[in-house]
N, C-alpha and C. Protein backbone atom coordinates (compact mmCIF):
# COMPACT_ATOMS: atom_id res chain seq x y z
N MET A 1 74.71 -74.25 2.44
CA MET A 1 75.72 -73.58 1.60
C MET A 1 76.00 -74.48 0.40
N SER A 2 76.00 -73.88 -0.78
CA SER A 2 76.20 -74.66 -2.01
C SER A 2 77.64 -75.10 -2.12
N LYS A 3 77.88 -76.17 -2.92
CA LYS A 3 79.23 -76.68 -3.13
C LYS A 3 80.13 -75.64 -3.77
N VAL A 4 79.58 -74.82 -4.67
CA VAL A 4 80.37 -73.78 -5.35
C VAL A 4 80.85 -72.73 -4.35
N LEU A 5 79.91 -72.32 -3.45
CA LEU A 5 80.25 -71.31 -2.45
C LEU A 5 81.32 -71.84 -1.50
N LYS A 6 81.16 -73.15 -1.09
CA LYS A 6 82.16 -73.76 -0.22
C LYS A 6 83.54 -73.76 -0.86
N SER A 7 83.58 -74.06 -2.15
CA SER A 7 84.86 -74.10 -2.88
C SER A 7 85.50 -72.73 -2.92
N VAL A 8 84.68 -71.71 -3.16
CA VAL A 8 85.20 -70.34 -3.21
C VAL A 8 85.78 -69.96 -1.84
N CYS A 9 85.09 -70.31 -0.76
CA CYS A 9 85.57 -69.99 0.58
C CYS A 9 86.90 -70.67 0.88
N ILE A 10 87.01 -71.92 0.46
CA ILE A 10 88.26 -72.67 0.69
C ILE A 10 89.41 -72.02 -0.04
N VAL A 11 89.17 -71.60 -1.30
CA VAL A 11 90.21 -70.94 -2.11
C VAL A 11 90.66 -69.64 -1.45
N VAL A 12 89.70 -68.85 -0.97
CA VAL A 12 90.01 -67.57 -0.31
C VAL A 12 90.85 -67.80 0.93
N LEU A 13 90.47 -68.82 1.73
CA LEU A 13 91.22 -69.12 2.95
C LEU A 13 92.65 -69.54 2.63
N LEU A 14 92.82 -70.34 1.58
CA LEU A 14 94.16 -70.78 1.17
C LEU A 14 95.03 -69.60 0.74
N VAL A 15 94.44 -68.69 -0.02
CA VAL A 15 95.19 -67.51 -0.48
C VAL A 15 95.61 -66.66 0.70
N MET A 16 94.70 -66.48 1.66
CA MET A 16 95.03 -65.67 2.84
C MET A 16 96.14 -66.32 3.65
N SER A 17 96.08 -67.64 3.80
CA SER A 17 97.11 -68.36 4.56
C SER A 17 98.46 -68.24 3.91
N LEU A 18 98.50 -68.37 2.59
CA LEU A 18 99.77 -68.24 1.86
C LEU A 18 100.35 -66.84 2.03
N GLY A 19 99.47 -65.83 2.06
CA GLY A 19 99.94 -64.45 2.23
C GLY A 19 100.56 -64.25 3.59
N VAL A 20 99.94 -64.82 4.63
CA VAL A 20 100.48 -64.71 5.98
C VAL A 20 101.81 -65.40 6.10
N LEU A 21 101.89 -66.63 5.51
CA LEU A 21 103.15 -67.38 5.54
C LEU A 21 104.26 -66.63 4.82
N SER A 22 103.88 -66.03 3.69
CA SER A 22 104.87 -65.26 2.93
C SER A 22 105.36 -64.07 3.73
N SER A 23 104.42 -63.40 4.42
CA SER A 23 104.77 -62.25 5.24
C SER A 23 105.70 -62.65 6.38
N CYS A 24 105.41 -63.79 7.03
CA CYS A 24 106.24 -64.27 8.13
C CYS A 24 107.63 -64.62 7.66
N THR A 25 107.70 -65.27 6.50
CA THR A 25 108.99 -65.67 5.95
C THR A 25 109.83 -64.46 5.64
N THR A 26 109.21 -63.43 5.04
CA THR A 26 109.92 -62.20 4.70
C THR A 26 110.39 -61.50 5.96
N SER A 27 109.51 -61.45 6.97
CA SER A 27 109.86 -60.79 8.22
C SER A 27 111.04 -61.48 8.89
N ARG A 28 110.99 -62.83 8.93
CA ARG A 28 112.08 -63.58 9.55
C ARG A 28 113.38 -63.38 8.78
N SER A 29 113.26 -63.31 7.46
CA SER A 29 114.45 -63.11 6.64
C SER A 29 115.08 -61.76 6.93
N ASN A 30 114.23 -60.73 7.08
CA ASN A 30 114.74 -59.39 7.37
C ASN A 30 115.42 -59.36 8.74
N VAL A 31 114.82 -60.04 9.72
CA VAL A 31 115.41 -60.10 11.05
C VAL A 31 116.76 -60.79 11.01
N ALA A 32 116.81 -61.90 10.24
CA ALA A 32 118.07 -62.64 10.13
C ALA A 32 119.15 -61.79 9.48
N ASP A 33 118.77 -61.07 8.39
CA ASP A 33 119.74 -60.21 7.70
C ASP A 33 120.24 -59.13 8.66
N SER A 34 119.31 -58.54 9.44
CA SER A 34 119.68 -57.50 10.38
C SER A 34 120.63 -58.03 11.44
N SER A 35 120.34 -59.24 11.94
CA SER A 35 121.19 -59.84 12.97
C SER A 35 122.59 -60.10 12.45
N LEU A 36 122.67 -60.56 11.20
CA LEU A 36 123.97 -60.83 10.59
C LEU A 36 124.78 -59.55 10.44
N LYS A 37 124.08 -58.47 10.06
CA LYS A 37 124.77 -57.19 9.90
C LYS A 37 125.30 -56.70 11.25
N ASP A 38 124.46 -56.83 12.30
CA ASP A 38 124.88 -56.41 13.64
C ASP A 38 126.08 -57.22 14.11
N LEU A 39 126.04 -58.55 13.84
CA LEU A 39 127.14 -59.42 14.24
C LEU A 39 128.41 -59.05 13.50
N SER A 40 128.27 -58.74 12.21
CA SER A 40 129.43 -58.35 11.40
C SER A 40 130.06 -57.08 11.94
N ALA A 41 129.20 -56.11 12.32
CA ALA A 41 129.71 -54.85 12.86
C ALA A 41 130.43 -55.08 14.18
N THR A 42 129.86 -55.98 15.01
CA THR A 42 130.48 -56.28 16.30
C THR A 42 131.85 -56.91 16.12
N LEU A 43 131.93 -57.86 15.18
CA LEU A 43 133.20 -58.53 14.93
C LEU A 43 134.23 -57.56 14.38
N THR A 44 133.80 -56.64 13.52
CA THR A 44 134.72 -55.66 12.95
C THR A 44 135.28 -54.76 14.05
N ASN A 45 134.41 -54.29 14.95
CA ASN A 45 134.87 -53.43 16.03
C ASN A 45 135.78 -54.18 17.00
N ALA A 46 135.52 -55.49 17.16
CA ALA A 46 136.31 -56.29 18.09
C ALA A 46 137.72 -56.53 17.57
N ASP A 47 137.93 -56.27 16.27
CA ASP A 47 139.26 -56.47 15.70
C ASP A 47 140.26 -55.45 16.23
N VAL A 48 139.78 -54.32 16.74
CA VAL A 48 140.66 -53.27 17.25
C VAL A 48 140.66 -53.31 18.78
N PHE A 49 141.86 -53.41 19.35
CA PHE A 49 142.00 -53.41 20.80
C PHE A 49 142.29 -51.97 21.25
N ASN A 50 141.49 -51.48 22.18
CA ASN A 50 141.64 -50.10 22.65
C ASN A 50 142.34 -50.05 24.00
N GLN A 51 143.38 -49.24 24.06
CA GLN A 51 144.12 -49.03 25.31
C GLN A 51 144.21 -47.53 25.57
N LYS A 52 143.83 -47.12 26.77
CA LYS A 52 143.85 -45.69 27.10
C LYS A 52 144.90 -45.39 28.17
N LEU A 53 145.66 -44.32 27.94
CA LEU A 53 146.61 -43.81 28.93
C LEU A 53 146.27 -42.35 29.20
N THR A 54 146.59 -41.89 30.40
CA THR A 54 146.38 -40.49 30.76
C THR A 54 147.70 -39.90 31.26
N ILE A 55 148.01 -38.71 30.82
CA ILE A 55 149.17 -38.00 31.35
C ILE A 55 148.65 -36.97 32.34
N GLU A 56 148.95 -37.21 33.62
CA GLU A 56 148.52 -36.30 34.67
C GLU A 56 149.64 -35.30 34.97
N THR A 57 149.26 -34.12 35.39
CA THR A 57 150.25 -33.13 35.81
C THR A 57 150.64 -33.40 37.27
N GLY A 58 151.72 -32.75 37.72
CA GLY A 58 152.14 -32.90 39.10
C GLY A 58 151.08 -32.45 40.08
N LYS A 59 150.31 -31.44 39.70
CA LYS A 59 149.24 -30.95 40.58
C LYS A 59 148.15 -32.00 40.72
N MET A 60 147.91 -32.74 39.63
CA MET A 60 146.85 -33.75 39.66
C MET A 60 147.24 -34.98 40.47
N ASP A 61 148.51 -35.38 40.37
CA ASP A 61 148.93 -36.59 41.07
C ASP A 61 149.48 -36.31 42.47
N GLY A 62 149.45 -35.04 42.87
CA GLY A 62 149.85 -34.70 44.24
C GLY A 62 151.35 -34.56 44.45
N LYS A 63 152.11 -34.50 43.35
CA LYS A 63 153.55 -34.36 43.46
C LYS A 63 154.01 -33.31 42.45
N PRO A 64 153.96 -32.04 42.79
CA PRO A 64 154.30 -30.96 41.87
C PRO A 64 155.63 -31.18 41.16
N GLY A 65 155.61 -30.95 39.85
CA GLY A 65 156.81 -31.11 39.05
C GLY A 65 157.04 -32.54 38.58
N TRP A 66 156.09 -33.44 38.91
CA TRP A 66 156.23 -34.85 38.53
C TRP A 66 155.04 -35.27 37.66
N PRO A 67 155.11 -35.06 36.36
CA PRO A 67 154.04 -35.57 35.48
C PRO A 67 154.06 -37.10 35.49
N LYS A 68 152.93 -37.69 35.11
CA LYS A 68 152.81 -39.14 35.27
C LYS A 68 151.88 -39.76 34.22
N TYR A 69 152.34 -40.88 33.61
CA TYR A 69 151.48 -41.68 32.74
C TYR A 69 150.69 -42.65 33.62
N VAL A 70 149.39 -42.74 33.37
CA VAL A 70 148.53 -43.67 34.11
C VAL A 70 147.70 -44.48 33.11
N PRO A 71 147.80 -45.83 33.13
CA PRO A 71 148.72 -46.62 33.94
C PRO A 71 150.12 -46.64 33.33
N ALA A 72 151.11 -46.97 34.13
CA ALA A 72 152.48 -47.03 33.63
C ALA A 72 152.78 -48.39 33.01
N ASN A 73 152.12 -49.42 33.50
CA ASN A 73 152.31 -50.77 32.99
C ASN A 73 150.97 -51.30 32.46
N PHE A 74 150.99 -51.87 31.27
CA PHE A 74 149.75 -52.38 30.69
C PHE A 74 150.08 -53.48 29.68
N THR A 75 149.04 -54.18 29.25
CA THR A 75 149.21 -55.31 28.33
C THR A 75 148.35 -55.12 27.10
N ILE A 76 148.90 -55.43 25.93
CA ILE A 76 148.17 -55.38 24.66
C ILE A 76 148.38 -56.71 23.93
N PRO A 77 147.49 -57.05 22.99
CA PRO A 77 147.64 -58.31 22.26
C PRO A 77 148.63 -58.20 21.10
N ALA A 78 149.29 -59.29 20.80
CA ALA A 78 150.18 -59.35 19.62
C ALA A 78 149.34 -59.65 18.38
N ASN A 79 149.84 -59.22 17.23
CA ASN A 79 149.22 -59.51 15.93
C ASN A 79 147.77 -59.06 15.86
N ARG A 80 147.49 -57.93 16.44
CA ARG A 80 146.15 -57.36 16.40
C ARG A 80 146.26 -55.84 16.41
N THR A 81 145.40 -55.17 15.66
CA THR A 81 145.45 -53.71 15.62
C THR A 81 145.12 -53.13 16.98
N VAL A 82 146.00 -52.26 17.46
CA VAL A 82 145.81 -51.60 18.75
C VAL A 82 145.63 -50.11 18.51
N GLU A 83 144.62 -49.54 19.12
CA GLU A 83 144.45 -48.08 19.09
C GLU A 83 144.78 -47.57 20.48
N LEU A 84 145.94 -46.95 20.59
CA LEU A 84 146.39 -46.38 21.85
C LEU A 84 145.92 -44.93 21.92
N THR A 85 145.13 -44.62 22.93
CA THR A 85 144.63 -43.25 23.12
C THR A 85 145.31 -42.66 24.34
N ILE A 86 145.97 -41.53 24.14
CA ILE A 86 146.66 -40.84 25.24
C ILE A 86 145.99 -39.49 25.46
N ILE A 87 145.42 -39.31 26.64
CA ILE A 87 144.80 -38.04 27.01
C ILE A 87 145.79 -37.29 27.89
N SER A 88 146.29 -36.16 27.42
CA SER A 88 147.26 -35.39 28.19
C SER A 88 146.64 -34.10 28.72
N TYR A 89 146.85 -33.87 30.02
CA TYR A 89 146.37 -32.64 30.66
C TYR A 89 147.49 -31.65 30.90
N ASP A 90 148.68 -31.97 30.40
CA ASP A 90 149.86 -31.15 30.68
C ASP A 90 150.01 -30.03 29.64
N ASP A 91 149.95 -28.79 30.11
CA ASP A 91 150.12 -27.65 29.20
C ASP A 91 151.55 -27.12 29.21
N GLY A 92 152.42 -27.78 29.97
CA GLY A 92 153.82 -27.37 30.00
C GLY A 92 154.61 -27.98 28.86
N THR A 93 155.59 -27.25 28.35
CA THR A 93 156.41 -27.76 27.26
C THR A 93 157.76 -28.25 27.79
N ALA A 94 158.34 -29.17 27.03
CA ALA A 94 159.70 -29.66 27.30
C ALA A 94 160.42 -29.63 25.96
N PRO A 95 160.79 -28.43 25.51
CA PRO A 95 161.38 -28.27 24.17
C PRO A 95 162.55 -29.21 23.91
N LEU A 96 162.57 -29.75 22.71
CA LEU A 96 163.63 -30.67 22.32
C LEU A 96 164.79 -29.91 21.69
N PRO A 97 166.01 -30.39 21.86
CA PRO A 97 167.16 -29.72 21.24
C PRO A 97 167.11 -29.82 19.72
N VAL A 98 167.81 -28.91 19.08
CA VAL A 98 167.86 -28.90 17.61
C VAL A 98 168.39 -30.22 17.09
N GLY A 99 167.70 -30.77 16.12
CA GLY A 99 168.15 -32.03 15.52
C GLY A 99 167.65 -33.27 16.22
N SER A 100 166.90 -33.10 17.31
CA SER A 100 166.37 -34.26 18.04
C SER A 100 165.36 -35.01 17.17
N PRO A 101 165.39 -36.35 17.20
CA PRO A 101 164.44 -37.13 16.39
C PRO A 101 163.11 -37.38 17.10
N TRP A 102 163.02 -36.95 18.37
CA TRP A 102 161.87 -37.36 19.18
C TRP A 102 160.60 -36.58 18.87
N ASN A 103 160.66 -35.58 18.03
CA ASN A 103 159.44 -34.85 17.67
C ASN A 103 158.72 -35.51 16.50
N LYS A 104 159.33 -36.56 15.93
CA LYS A 104 158.75 -37.24 14.76
C LYS A 104 158.02 -38.52 15.18
N VAL A 105 156.99 -38.86 14.40
CA VAL A 105 156.23 -40.08 14.64
C VAL A 105 156.97 -41.25 14.02
N TRP A 106 157.22 -42.28 14.84
CA TRP A 106 157.85 -43.50 14.34
C TRP A 106 156.85 -44.65 14.44
N GLY A 107 157.03 -45.61 13.53
CA GLY A 107 156.19 -46.81 13.57
C GLY A 107 156.27 -47.54 12.25
N GLY A 108 156.28 -48.87 12.30
CA GLY A 108 156.35 -49.63 11.06
C GLY A 108 157.72 -49.60 10.42
N ASP A 109 158.77 -49.39 11.21
CA ASP A 109 160.13 -49.34 10.66
C ASP A 109 160.55 -50.74 10.19
N PRO A 110 161.04 -50.86 8.95
CA PRO A 110 161.43 -52.18 8.41
C PRO A 110 162.71 -52.74 9.01
N THR A 111 163.42 -51.95 9.82
CA THR A 111 164.69 -52.42 10.40
C THR A 111 164.50 -53.73 11.17
N TYR A 112 163.51 -53.75 12.06
CA TYR A 112 163.22 -54.96 12.83
C TYR A 112 161.99 -55.69 12.31
N ASN A 113 161.14 -54.96 11.60
CA ASN A 113 159.88 -55.51 11.08
C ASN A 113 159.03 -56.12 12.20
N LEU A 114 159.00 -55.44 13.33
CA LEU A 114 158.22 -55.92 14.47
C LEU A 114 156.89 -55.18 14.61
N VAL A 115 156.78 -54.05 13.94
CA VAL A 115 155.58 -53.21 14.08
C VAL A 115 155.08 -52.79 12.70
N SER A 116 153.76 -52.83 12.53
CA SER A 116 153.15 -52.29 11.32
C SER A 116 152.19 -51.18 11.74
N GLY A 117 151.88 -50.32 10.81
CA GLY A 117 151.01 -49.18 11.14
C GLY A 117 151.83 -48.02 11.64
N GLY A 118 151.45 -47.47 12.79
CA GLY A 118 152.19 -46.35 13.35
C GLY A 118 151.63 -45.02 12.91
N THR A 119 150.30 -44.89 12.91
CA THR A 119 149.64 -43.65 12.49
C THR A 119 149.18 -42.87 13.72
N GLU A 120 149.57 -41.59 13.80
CA GLU A 120 149.20 -40.76 14.95
C GLU A 120 148.25 -39.65 14.55
N THR A 121 147.29 -39.37 15.43
CA THR A 121 146.43 -38.20 15.26
C THR A 121 146.47 -37.38 16.54
N VAL A 122 146.33 -36.08 16.40
CA VAL A 122 146.22 -35.17 17.54
C VAL A 122 144.91 -34.41 17.38
N ASN A 123 144.01 -34.64 18.33
CA ASN A 123 142.66 -34.05 18.25
C ASN A 123 142.01 -34.33 16.90
N GLY A 124 142.21 -35.57 16.42
CA GLY A 124 141.56 -36.02 15.19
C GLY A 124 142.31 -35.74 13.91
N LYS A 125 143.41 -35.00 13.98
CA LYS A 125 144.17 -34.65 12.78
C LYS A 125 145.43 -35.51 12.69
N THR A 126 145.62 -36.17 11.54
CA THR A 126 146.79 -37.02 11.34
C THR A 126 148.05 -36.17 11.23
N ILE A 127 149.09 -36.57 11.96
CA ILE A 127 150.35 -35.82 11.94
C ILE A 127 151.52 -36.77 11.73
N THR A 128 152.65 -36.21 11.35
CA THR A 128 153.89 -37.00 11.23
C THR A 128 154.97 -36.43 12.14
N SER A 129 154.72 -35.25 12.73
CA SER A 129 155.68 -34.65 13.65
C SER A 129 155.00 -33.54 14.46
N VAL A 130 155.68 -33.13 15.52
CA VAL A 130 155.22 -32.02 16.36
C VAL A 130 156.36 -31.01 16.43
N ASN A 131 156.02 -29.75 16.40
CA ASN A 131 157.05 -28.71 16.53
C ASN A 131 157.88 -28.99 17.78
N PRO A 132 159.22 -29.07 17.65
CA PRO A 132 160.07 -29.39 18.80
C PRO A 132 159.84 -28.50 20.02
N ASN A 133 159.47 -27.24 19.77
CA ASN A 133 159.23 -26.31 20.88
C ASN A 133 157.88 -26.52 21.56
N ASP A 134 156.99 -27.28 20.91
CA ASP A 134 155.66 -27.52 21.46
C ASP A 134 155.52 -28.89 22.13
N VAL A 135 156.58 -29.69 22.07
CA VAL A 135 156.52 -31.03 22.65
C VAL A 135 156.44 -30.95 24.17
N SER A 136 155.55 -31.74 24.75
CA SER A 136 155.40 -31.81 26.20
C SER A 136 155.99 -33.13 26.71
N HIS A 137 155.69 -34.21 26.00
CA HIS A 137 156.19 -35.54 26.36
C HIS A 137 156.31 -36.39 25.09
N THR A 138 156.87 -37.57 25.25
CA THR A 138 156.81 -38.57 24.19
C THR A 138 156.47 -39.90 24.85
N PHE A 139 155.92 -40.79 24.05
CA PHE A 139 155.76 -42.18 24.47
C PHE A 139 156.63 -42.96 23.50
N THR A 140 157.78 -43.42 23.98
CA THR A 140 158.79 -44.02 23.13
C THR A 140 159.09 -45.45 23.58
N VAL A 141 159.08 -46.37 22.62
CA VAL A 141 159.41 -47.78 22.89
C VAL A 141 160.62 -48.14 22.05
N PRO A 142 161.83 -47.98 22.58
CA PRO A 142 163.04 -48.21 21.79
C PRO A 142 163.12 -49.60 21.15
N GLY A 143 162.67 -50.62 21.88
CA GLY A 143 162.77 -51.99 21.37
C GLY A 143 161.89 -52.27 20.18
N LEU A 144 160.92 -51.38 19.92
CA LEU A 144 160.02 -51.55 18.78
C LEU A 144 160.13 -50.40 17.78
N LEU A 145 161.05 -49.47 18.05
CA LEU A 145 161.22 -48.28 17.21
C LEU A 145 159.89 -47.52 17.05
N ILE A 146 159.21 -47.34 18.20
CA ILE A 146 157.97 -46.56 18.25
C ILE A 146 158.26 -45.24 18.96
N ASN A 147 157.78 -44.15 18.38
CA ASN A 147 157.87 -42.85 19.06
C ASN A 147 156.60 -42.05 18.78
N ILE A 148 155.97 -41.61 19.87
CA ILE A 148 154.73 -40.84 19.77
C ILE A 148 154.95 -39.51 20.47
N PRO A 149 155.15 -38.43 19.71
CA PRO A 149 155.32 -37.12 20.35
C PRO A 149 153.98 -36.57 20.84
N ILE A 150 153.98 -36.02 22.03
CA ILE A 150 152.76 -35.47 22.64
C ILE A 150 152.90 -33.96 22.77
N PRO A 151 152.07 -33.19 22.10
CA PRO A 151 152.16 -31.72 22.23
C PRO A 151 151.56 -31.24 23.54
N ALA A 152 152.01 -30.07 23.99
CA ALA A 152 151.43 -29.45 25.18
C ALA A 152 149.99 -29.04 24.89
N VAL A 153 149.18 -29.01 25.93
CA VAL A 153 147.78 -28.58 25.76
C VAL A 153 147.76 -27.10 25.38
N PRO A 154 147.13 -26.77 24.25
CA PRO A 154 147.08 -25.36 23.83
C PRO A 154 146.25 -24.51 24.79
N ALA A 155 146.50 -23.22 24.78
CA ALA A 155 145.74 -22.29 25.61
C ALA A 155 144.26 -22.38 25.26
N GLY A 156 143.43 -22.42 26.27
CA GLY A 156 141.99 -22.48 26.05
C GLY A 156 141.43 -23.89 26.01
N GLN A 157 142.32 -24.90 26.01
CA GLN A 157 141.87 -26.29 26.01
C GLN A 157 142.24 -26.94 27.34
N LYS A 158 141.47 -27.96 27.73
CA LYS A 158 141.74 -28.67 28.98
C LYS A 158 142.69 -29.84 28.78
N TYR A 159 142.68 -30.39 27.58
CA TYR A 159 143.53 -31.56 27.31
C TYR A 159 143.70 -31.74 25.80
N VAL A 160 144.64 -32.58 25.42
CA VAL A 160 144.79 -32.98 24.03
C VAL A 160 144.58 -34.49 23.96
N THR A 161 144.02 -34.93 22.85
CA THR A 161 143.78 -36.36 22.64
C THR A 161 144.67 -36.85 21.51
N VAL A 162 145.55 -37.77 21.85
CA VAL A 162 146.46 -38.35 20.86
C VAL A 162 146.08 -39.81 20.67
N THR A 163 145.95 -40.24 19.41
CA THR A 163 145.70 -41.65 19.15
C THR A 163 146.84 -42.18 18.27
N TYR A 164 147.13 -43.44 18.45
CA TYR A 164 148.22 -44.07 17.70
C TYR A 164 147.78 -45.50 17.39
N LYS A 165 147.68 -45.83 16.09
CA LYS A 165 147.26 -47.16 15.67
C LYS A 165 148.46 -47.95 15.20
N PHE A 166 148.59 -49.18 15.72
CA PHE A 166 149.74 -50.00 15.35
C PHE A 166 149.46 -51.47 15.67
N THR A 167 150.31 -52.33 15.15
CA THR A 167 150.24 -53.77 15.42
C THR A 167 151.64 -54.25 15.74
N VAL A 168 151.78 -54.95 16.86
CA VAL A 168 153.07 -55.54 17.23
C VAL A 168 153.05 -57.02 16.86
N LYS A 169 154.06 -57.44 16.13
CA LYS A 169 154.08 -58.80 15.59
C LYS A 169 154.78 -59.82 16.50
N LYS A 170 155.41 -59.36 17.56
CA LYS A 170 156.17 -60.27 18.41
C LYS A 170 155.84 -60.04 19.89
N SER A 171 155.51 -61.14 20.57
CA SER A 171 155.23 -61.05 22.00
C SER A 171 156.50 -60.69 22.77
N GLY A 172 156.30 -60.08 23.92
CA GLY A 172 157.45 -59.72 24.75
C GLY A 172 157.09 -58.60 25.69
N THR A 173 158.02 -58.24 26.55
CA THR A 173 157.85 -57.12 27.47
C THR A 173 158.80 -56.01 27.04
N TYR A 174 158.24 -54.87 26.72
CA TYR A 174 159.02 -53.76 26.17
C TYR A 174 158.94 -52.55 27.10
N ARG A 175 160.10 -51.98 27.38
CA ARG A 175 160.12 -50.78 28.21
C ARG A 175 159.77 -49.57 27.36
N TRP A 176 158.93 -48.71 27.89
CA TRP A 176 158.65 -47.43 27.25
C TRP A 176 159.17 -46.31 28.16
N LEU A 177 159.41 -45.16 27.58
CA LEU A 177 159.88 -44.01 28.35
C LEU A 177 159.55 -42.72 27.63
N CYS A 178 159.68 -41.62 28.35
CA CYS A 178 159.51 -40.29 27.76
C CYS A 178 160.90 -39.76 27.40
N GLU A 179 161.04 -39.28 26.17
CA GLU A 179 162.33 -38.75 25.72
C GLU A 179 162.39 -37.23 25.77
N ALA A 180 161.30 -36.57 26.19
CA ALA A 180 161.31 -35.12 26.33
C ALA A 180 161.80 -34.77 27.73
N PRO A 181 162.64 -33.75 27.88
CA PRO A 181 163.20 -33.40 29.20
C PRO A 181 162.16 -32.73 30.11
N CYS A 182 161.24 -33.56 30.61
CA CYS A 182 160.12 -33.02 31.38
C CYS A 182 160.30 -33.19 32.89
N GLY A 183 161.50 -33.63 33.31
CA GLY A 183 161.73 -33.87 34.73
C GLY A 183 162.40 -32.71 35.44
N SER A 184 162.97 -33.01 36.56
CA SER A 184 163.63 -31.97 37.36
C SER A 184 165.11 -31.89 37.01
N GLY A 185 165.80 -30.94 37.63
CA GLY A 185 167.22 -30.76 37.36
C GLY A 185 167.46 -29.79 36.22
N SER A 186 168.69 -29.34 36.08
CA SER A 186 169.03 -28.33 35.08
C SER A 186 168.77 -28.82 33.65
N MET A 187 168.89 -30.12 33.43
CA MET A 187 168.67 -30.68 32.09
C MET A 187 167.27 -31.27 31.94
N GLY A 188 166.49 -31.26 33.01
CA GLY A 188 165.13 -31.80 32.94
C GLY A 188 165.08 -33.31 32.84
N MET A 189 166.15 -33.98 33.23
CA MET A 189 166.21 -35.42 33.07
C MET A 189 166.08 -36.18 34.39
N GLY A 190 165.83 -35.47 35.50
CA GLY A 190 165.71 -36.13 36.79
C GLY A 190 164.26 -36.34 37.21
N GLY A 191 164.08 -36.71 38.45
CA GLY A 191 162.73 -36.87 39.00
C GLY A 191 161.89 -37.89 38.26
N ALA A 192 160.74 -37.43 37.77
CA ALA A 192 159.79 -38.33 37.11
C ALA A 192 160.36 -38.98 35.85
N MET A 193 161.31 -38.30 35.20
CA MET A 193 161.86 -38.81 33.94
C MET A 193 162.45 -40.20 34.07
N ASN A 194 163.15 -40.45 35.16
CA ASN A 194 163.82 -41.74 35.30
C ASN A 194 163.27 -42.59 36.45
N THR A 195 161.99 -42.36 36.77
CA THR A 195 161.36 -43.12 37.85
C THR A 195 160.26 -44.01 37.28
N PHE A 196 160.40 -45.33 37.50
CA PHE A 196 159.38 -46.26 37.02
C PHE A 196 158.03 -45.97 37.67
N GLY A 197 157.00 -46.08 36.88
CA GLY A 197 155.66 -45.78 37.37
C GLY A 197 155.26 -44.35 37.15
N TRP A 198 156.18 -43.53 36.62
CA TRP A 198 155.88 -42.12 36.36
C TRP A 198 156.02 -41.83 34.87
N MET A 199 157.26 -41.65 34.41
CA MET A 199 157.45 -41.37 32.98
C MET A 199 158.21 -42.52 32.29
N THR A 200 158.15 -43.67 32.87
CA THR A 200 158.68 -44.88 32.25
C THR A 200 157.99 -46.08 32.86
N GLY A 201 157.84 -47.14 32.08
CA GLY A 201 157.15 -48.34 32.55
C GLY A 201 157.31 -49.45 31.53
N TYR A 202 156.37 -50.40 31.55
CA TYR A 202 156.47 -51.55 30.67
C TYR A 202 155.18 -51.79 29.90
N MET A 203 155.35 -52.12 28.63
CA MET A 203 154.23 -52.52 27.78
C MET A 203 154.42 -54.00 27.46
N GLU A 204 153.52 -54.82 27.95
CA GLU A 204 153.63 -56.26 27.69
C GLU A 204 152.75 -56.62 26.48
N VAL A 205 153.33 -57.39 25.58
CA VAL A 205 152.62 -57.82 24.38
C VAL A 205 152.45 -59.34 24.46
N LYS A 206 151.21 -59.79 24.45
CA LYS A 206 150.91 -61.22 24.56
C LYS A 206 150.16 -61.73 23.35
């Protein structure tokens, strides 16, 4: 093989090697970029703490006439966005009296400045209140000035999905309760309404 031919072969091999190296570098760069994007998405999703509650009917929990939040006691983090999802299976109403404030969405009240956010959706639609005659329950935390009205399940549906996004700025144990007269007795304030583990419990913020 002549010296000229050998030189040409060496040049060709060098060019091919550089192309492979360039391809590998580009491929690794793309993989790295993709990994960073995935990590970023994971971190973004991790910023929201998800807590789910279910409202069972008396028929579901084996005690007719006694609706129930499950779980009644739970813990959420302080200074972090919380998305509270409440799935209600109760199609019964507990109409509120005229002038009652419990049909309105509360959250982020500057009085105590303990909560920010306070946005509620019902089946994906943002709301600020529920018709007083359509209210089934509420999830109310007096110590934080939070109120989440829960509408009765409409005819033809199995449940309603309520979400509420908020951030609590102060650790502590806060009692929650239902302010709709969904219990027993002539005023609807007995039974499950005033029994811990049913329509009242504790939300711990750590």
